[in-house]
Structures are given as C-alpha cells and as structure tokens.
Amino acid sequence: MDRIDIHVEVPRVPFEKLSSQRTGELSATVRARVEAARALIYATARYIDANPKARPTIYAAMSKLFATDMAMRVADWCVQLHGGYGYCEEYPVARAWRDARVMSIFAGTNEIMKELIARAL
C-alpha cells in the first residue's frame, strides 16, 4: 500500500496554543476517512473488473463523491492548521487545497454525482 502523508489542521481560536492530543485525534480521523475513500474506490474498481458488461455508474459516482468530499475536507483542515501560511504559494498545502477543489468539479460536479446516485436508488 502506498504511504500517504497526511497533514491536518484543527480549527483554532486566535492565539490559542494547539494541543498535540487534539492534533493527533484529528490526524487519526483524517487517516481513517482517507482509507475509507480508498477502500470504496478499490471496491468499485474490483466490481468493474469482475462485471465488464455492467454499468457501474452508481458505484463510480459514489466513489468520486465520497473521495472528493474527503479530499476537500482534509485540505481545508490542513490550510487551517497552517494558519496564514496555508494560503502562501510557497507551502504545498495551498496547492493541495486548489487541487482538491478542482477534483470536485472535473468529470462531473459533486452535485451531478448526487443526482446520478439519487436516480439509481
């Protein structure tokens, strides 16, 4: 399995010192959600491989919706953790936030994915 470095941020009060315990809890939550998104994507790929004639629209839509929502949430947390530096181009977190945002638009917006899922129910 590929290693994913996850850097997270905690919404904070100005001038409040960050708790390492809270940061650790958030890191664990983020890691669990990233792994859940990955598992859903792999399950969708296995389904498509096993059923080449099936139309996996609902599975692909659910995978994209969940994974891009998680990517955006994680990127938001990271930007907040970095504070003002999260918006500086010198820091990779600014690029990660932009990339996560555009993923929810490419190949159909998340609103379209929700519509596809709703139709299939």
C-alpha atoms as a PDB file:
ATOM      1  CA  MET A   1       0.000   0.000   0.000  1.00  0.00           C
ATOM      2  CA  ASP A   2       1.244   3.456  -0.851  1.00  0.00           C
ATOM      3  CA  ARG A   3       2.123   5.710   2.033  1.00  0.00           C
ATOM      4  CA  ILE A   4       0.109   8.878   2.337  1.00  0.00           C
ATOM      5  CA  ASP A   5       1.471  11.723   4.392  1.00  0.00           C
ATOM      6  CA  ILE A   6      -1.433  13.484   5.998  1.00  0.00           C
ATOM      7  CA  HIS A   7      -1.000  16.886   7.489  1.00  0.00           C
ATOM      8  CA  VAL A   8      -4.093  18.152   9.252  1.00  0.00           C
ATOM      9  CA  GLU A   9      -5.214  21.286  10.960  1.00  0.00           C
ATOM     10  CA  VAL A  10      -7.580  21.935  13.776  1.00  0.00           C
ATOM     11  CA  PRO A  11      -9.958  24.879  13.743  1.00  0.00           C
ATOM     12  CA  ARG A  12      -8.477  27.110  16.386  1.00  0.00           C
ATOM     13  CA  VAL A  13      -9.084  30.193  18.397  1.00  0.00           C
ATOM     14  CA  PRO A  14      -6.643  33.046  17.640  1.00  0.00           C
ATOM     15  CA  PHE A  15      -3.578  32.969  19.904  1.00  0.00           C
ATOM     16  CA  GLU A  16      -4.587  29.606  21.364  1.00  0.00           C
ATOM     17  CA  LYS A  17      -1.834  27.016  21.561  1.00  0.00           C
ATOM     18  CA  LEU A  18      -2.613  23.864  19.620  1.00  0.00           C
ATOM     19  CA  SER A  19      -2.997  20.721  21.647  1.00  0.00           C
ATOM     20  CA  SER A  20      -0.888  17.856  20.358  1.00  0.00           C
ATOM     21  CA  GLN A  21      -3.578  15.470  21.616  1.00  0.00           C
ATOM     22  CA  ARG A  22      -6.252  17.239  19.547  1.00  0.00           C
ATOM     23  CA  THR A  23      -3.994  17.298  16.503  1.00  0.00           C
ATOM     24  CA  GLY A  24      -3.337  13.577  16.953  1.00  0.00           C
ATOM     25  CA  GLU A  25      -7.052  12.831  17.227  1.00  0.00           C
ATOM     26  CA  LEU A  26      -7.747  14.780  14.071  1.00  0.00           C
ATOM     27  CA  SER A  27      -4.890  13.039  12.268  1.00  0.00           C
ATOM     28  CA  ALA A  28      -6.368   9.667  13.185  1.00  0.00           C
ATOM     29  CA  THR A  29      -9.825  10.720  11.986  1.00  0.00           C
ATOM     30  CA  VAL A  30      -8.442  12.021   8.709  1.00  0.00           C
ATOM     31  CA  ARG A  31      -6.419   8.859   8.149  1.00  0.00           C
ATOM     32  CA  ALA A  32      -9.484   6.686   8.738  1.00  0.00           C
ATOM     33  CA  ARG A  33     -11.537   8.720   6.260  1.00  0.00           C
ATOM     34  CA  VAL A  34      -8.808   8.657   3.629  1.00  0.00           C
ATOM     35  CA  GLU A  35      -8.554   4.879   3.980  1.00  0.00           C
ATOM     36  CA  ALA A  36     -12.361   4.578   3.732  1.00  0.00           C
ATOM     37  CA  ALA A  37     -12.310   6.568   0.483  1.00  0.00           C
ATOM     38  CA  ARG A  38      -9.507   4.395  -0.854  1.00  0.00           C
ATOM     39  CA  ALA A  39     -11.382   1.207   0.067  1.00  0.00           C
ATOM     40  CA  LEU A  40     -14.508   2.438  -1.734  1.00  0.00           C
ATOM     41  CA  ILE A  41     -12.503   3.279  -4.847  1.00  0.00           C
ATOM     42  CA  TYR A  42     -10.799  -0.145  -4.827  1.00  0.00           C
ATOM     43  CA  ALA A  43     -14.153  -1.895  -4.313  1.00  0.00           C
ATOM     44  CA  THR A  44     -15.554  -0.016  -7.293  1.00  0.00           C
ATOM     45  CA  ALA A  45     -12.562  -0.992  -9.430  1.00  0.00           C
ATOM     46  CA  ARG A  46     -12.951  -4.652  -8.416  1.00  0.00           C
ATOM     47  CA  TYR A  47     -16.658  -4.529  -9.288  1.00  0.00           C
ATOM     48  CA  ILE A  48     -15.928  -3.044 -12.710  1.00  0.00           C
ATOM     49  CA  ASP A  49     -13.212  -5.652 -13.375  1.00  0.00           C
ATOM     50  CA  ALA A  50     -15.486  -8.515 -12.323  1.00  0.00           C
ATOM     51  CA  ASN A  51     -18.520  -7.264 -14.286  1.00  0.00           C
ATOM     52  CA  PRO A  52     -17.280  -5.826 -17.582  1.00  0.00           C
ATOM     53  CA  LYS A  53     -20.783  -5.639 -19.068  1.00  0.00           C
ATOM     54  CA  ALA A  54     -22.338  -3.969 -16.030  1.00  0.00           C
ATOM     55  CA  ARG A  55     -22.922  -0.228 -15.914  1.00  0.00           C
ATOM     56  CA  PRO A  56     -21.164   0.839 -12.724  1.00  0.00           C
ATOM     57  CA  THR A  57     -22.427   4.415 -12.816  1.00  0.00           C
ATOM     58  CA  ILE A  58     -23.733   4.455  -9.255  1.00  0.00           C
ATOM     59  CA  TYR A  59     -20.545   2.924  -7.844  1.00  0.00           C
ATOM     60  CA  ALA A  60     -18.301   5.320  -9.739  1.00  0.00           C
ATOM     61  CA  ALA A  61     -20.461   8.278  -8.697  1.00  0.00           C
ATOM     62  CA  MET A  62     -20.403   7.246  -5.030  1.00  0.00           C
ATOM     63  CA  SER A  63     -16.640   6.759  -5.138  1.00  0.00           C
ATOM     64  CA  LYS A  64     -15.996  10.131  -6.741  1.00  0.00           C
ATOM     65  CA  LEU A  65     -18.414  11.937  -4.438  1.00  0.00           C
ATOM     66  CA  PHE A  66     -17.003  10.454  -1.248  1.00  0.00           C
ATOM     67  CA  ALA A  67     -13.338  10.718  -2.241  1.00  0.00           C
ATOM     68  CA  THR A  68     -13.538  14.318  -3.442  1.00  0.00           C
ATOM     69  CA  ASP A  69     -15.546  15.372  -0.379  1.00  0.00           C
ATOM     70  CA  MET A  70     -12.888  13.824   1.848  1.00  0.00           C
ATOM     71  CA  ALA A  71     -10.068  15.417  -0.153  1.00  0.00           C
ATOM     72  CA  MET A  72     -11.673  18.835   0.209  1.00  0.00           C
ATOM     73  CA  ARG A  73     -12.317  18.378   3.920  1.00  0.00           C
ATOM     74  CA  VAL A  74      -8.742  17.217   4.556  1.00  0.00           C
ATOM     75  CA  ALA A  75      -7.306  20.083   2.507  1.00  0.00           C
ATOM     76  CA  ASP A  76      -9.434  22.584   4.442  1.00  0.00           C
ATOM     77  CA  TRP A  77      -8.188  21.183   7.730  1.00  0.00           C
ATOM     78  CA  CYS A  78      -4.596  21.417   6.534  1.00  0.00           C
ATOM     79  CA  VAL A  79      -4.960  25.030   5.427  1.00  0.00           C
ATOM     80  CA  GLN A  80      -6.470  25.954   8.783  1.00  0.00           C
ATOM     81  CA  LEU A  81      -3.712  24.161  10.669  1.00  0.00           C
ATOM     82  CA  HIS A  82      -1.091  26.118   8.786  1.00  0.00           C
ATOM     83  CA  GLY A  83      -2.903  29.373   9.500  1.00  0.00           C
ATOM     84  CA  GLY A  84      -1.974  32.248   7.193  1.00  0.00           C
ATOM     85  CA  TYR A  85       0.857  30.199   5.723  1.00  0.00           C
ATOM     86  CA  GLY A  86      -1.740  27.790   4.349  1.00  0.00           C
ATOM     87  CA  TYR A  87      -2.549  30.353   1.671  1.00  0.00           C
ATOM     88  CA  CYS A  88       1.054  31.089   0.684  1.00  0.00           C
ATOM     89  CA  GLU A  89       2.179  29.601  -2.609  1.00  0.00           C
ATOM     90  CA  GLU A  90       5.494  28.561  -1.035  1.00  0.00           C
ATOM     91  CA  TYR A  91       3.683  25.906   1.001  1.00  0.00           C
ATOM     92  CA  PRO A  92       2.426  22.710  -0.671  1.00  0.00           C
ATOM     93  CA  VAL A  93      -0.810  22.863   1.309  1.00  0.00           C
ATOM     94  CA  ALA A  94      -2.043  25.791  -0.811  1.00  0.00           C
ATOM     95  CA  ARG A  95      -1.604  23.721  -3.964  1.00  0.00           C
ATOM     96  CA  ALA A  96      -3.247  20.698  -2.309  1.00  0.00           C
ATOM     97  CA  TRP A  97      -6.295  22.794  -1.464  1.00  0.00           C
ATOM     98  CA  ARG A  98      -6.627  24.046  -5.052  1.00  0.00           C
ATOM     99  CA  ASP A  99      -6.176  20.535  -6.427  1.00  0.00           C
ATOM    100  CA  ALA A 100      -8.787  19.120  -4.048  1.00  0.00           C
ATOM    101  CA  ARG A 101     -11.272  21.809  -5.005  1.00  0.00           C
ATOM    102  CA  VAL A 102     -10.918  21.209  -8.727  1.00  0.00           C
ATOM    103  CA  MET A 103     -11.322  17.430  -8.263  1.00  0.00           C
ATOM    104  CA  SER A 104     -14.902  18.025  -7.150  1.00  0.00           C
ATOM    105  CA  ILE A 105     -15.553  19.747 -10.487  1.00  0.00           C
ATOM    106  CA  PHE A 106     -13.735  17.528 -13.027  1.00  0.00           C
ATOM    107  CA  ALA A 107     -15.631  14.631 -14.595  1.00  0.00           C
ATOM    108  CA  GLY A 108     -18.932  15.961 -13.297  1.00  0.00           C
ATOM    109  CA  THR A 109     -19.523  18.107 -10.272  1.00  0.00           C
ATOM    110  CA  ASN A 110     -20.384  16.506  -6.969  1.00  0.00           C
ATOM    111  CA  GLU A 111     -23.927  17.804  -7.376  1.00  0.00           C
ATOM    112  CA  ILE A 112     -24.210  15.796 -10.607  1.00  0.00           C
ATOM    113  CA  MET A 113     -22.831  12.735  -8.802  1.00  0.00           C
ATOM    114  CA  LYS A 114     -25.550  13.118  -6.150  1.00  0.00           C
ATOM    115  CA  GLU A 115     -28.178  13.311  -8.896  1.00  0.00           C
ATOM    116  CA  LEU A 116     -26.850  10.119 -10.528  1.00  0.00           C
ATOM    117  CA  ILE A 117     -26.916   8.306  -7.200  1.00  0.00           C
ATOM    118  CA  ALA A 118     -30.436   9.518  -6.423  1.00  0.00           C
ATOM    119  CA  ARG A 119     -31.722   8.303  -9.798  1.00  0.00           C
ATOM    120  CA  ALA A 120     -30.290   4.859  -9.229  1.00  0.00           C
ATOM    121  CA  LEU A 121     -31.948   4.430  -5.833  1.00  0.00           C
END
